Protein backbone atom coordinates (compact mmCIF):
# COMPACT_ATOMS: atom_id res chain seq x y z
CA MET A 1 -7.51 -1.70 -13.75
CA ARG A 2 -5.22 1.24 -13.01
CA LEU A 3 -4.23 2.04 -9.45
CA GLY A 4 -6.23 5.28 -9.48
CA GLU A 5 -9.34 3.48 -10.70
CA THR A 6 -8.95 0.91 -7.94
CA ILE A 7 -8.64 3.62 -5.29
CA LEU A 8 -11.69 5.46 -6.63
CA LYS A 9 -13.81 2.30 -6.91
CA HIS A 10 -13.07 1.10 -3.39
CA ARG A 11 -13.30 4.57 -1.84
CA GLN A 12 -16.76 5.05 -3.30
CA ALA A 13 -17.82 1.51 -2.35
CA ARG A 14 -16.95 2.28 1.28
CA GLY A 15 -18.76 5.61 1.15
CA LEU A 16 -15.63 7.61 1.88
CA SER A 17 -15.03 11.14 0.66
CA GLN A 18 -11.60 12.04 -0.66
CA GLU A 19 -11.15 14.12 2.48
CA LYS A 20 -12.00 11.23 4.82
CA LEU A 21 -9.72 8.81 2.97
CA ALA A 22 -6.93 11.38 3.08
CA GLU A 23 -7.42 11.75 6.83
CA LEU A 24 -7.28 7.97 7.34
CA VAL A 25 -4.09 7.64 5.28
CA GLY A 26 -2.38 10.80 6.54
CA VAL A 27 -2.22 12.77 3.31
CA SER A 28 -3.99 15.76 1.80
CA ARG A 29 -7.27 15.54 -0.11
CA GLN A 30 -5.36 16.82 -3.12
CA ALA A 31 -3.03 13.80 -2.93
CA VAL A 32 -6.00 11.43 -3.06
CA SER A 33 -7.43 13.34 -6.00
CA LYS A 34 -4.11 13.11 -7.87
CA TRP A 35 -3.91 9.37 -7.19
CA GLU A 36 -7.40 8.81 -8.54
CA VAL A 37 -6.83 10.69 -11.79
CA GLY A 38 -3.37 9.20 -12.30
CA ASP A 39 -1.36 12.40 -11.85
CA ALA A 40 0.57 10.83 -8.95
CA ILE A 41 1.04 7.53 -7.18
CA PRO A 42 1.09 6.91 -3.43
CA ASP A 43 4.45 6.73 -1.69
CA THR A 44 5.31 3.19 -0.64
CA ASP A 45 4.85 4.05 3.04
CA LYS A 46 1.22 4.94 2.29
CA LEU A 47 0.29 1.65 0.58
CA ILE A 48 -0.54 -0.31 3.75
CA PRO A 49 -2.60 2.47 5.39
CA LEU A 50 -4.35 3.09 2.05
CA ALA A 51 -5.22 -0.57 1.56
CA ARG A 52 -6.48 -0.81 5.16
CA ALA A 53 -8.64 2.29 4.77
CA LEU A 54 -10.13 0.82 1.58
CA GLY A 55 -10.67 -2.59 3.18
CA ILE A 56 -8.51 -4.44 0.65
CA SER A 57 -5.09 -6.08 0.54
CA VAL A 58 -2.03 -4.32 -0.83
CA ASP A 59 -1.96 -6.99 -3.56
CA GLU A 60 -5.50 -6.07 -4.59
CA LEU A 61 -4.66 -2.38 -4.42
CA LEU A 62 -1.73 -2.92 -6.78
CA GLY A 63 -3.69 -5.20 -9.11
CA ASN A 64 -1.77 -8.37 -8.19
CA VAL A 65 -4.86 -10.58 -8.01
CA PRO A 66 -6.56 -12.53 -10.79
């Protein structure tokens, strides 16, 4: 699964809007949208806050789990 698909799947599973996830991570809603469609990837300093907001590990976020 691509990173953007993982973000979208877990965001929706937690009932978060793009705007709310953006607020939790400290980015714009547009950044979240770009991540989800694959037009951009999160900066490394956003990976931990993003994973926490989605309730998953960074490894799971990055697809490093079986």
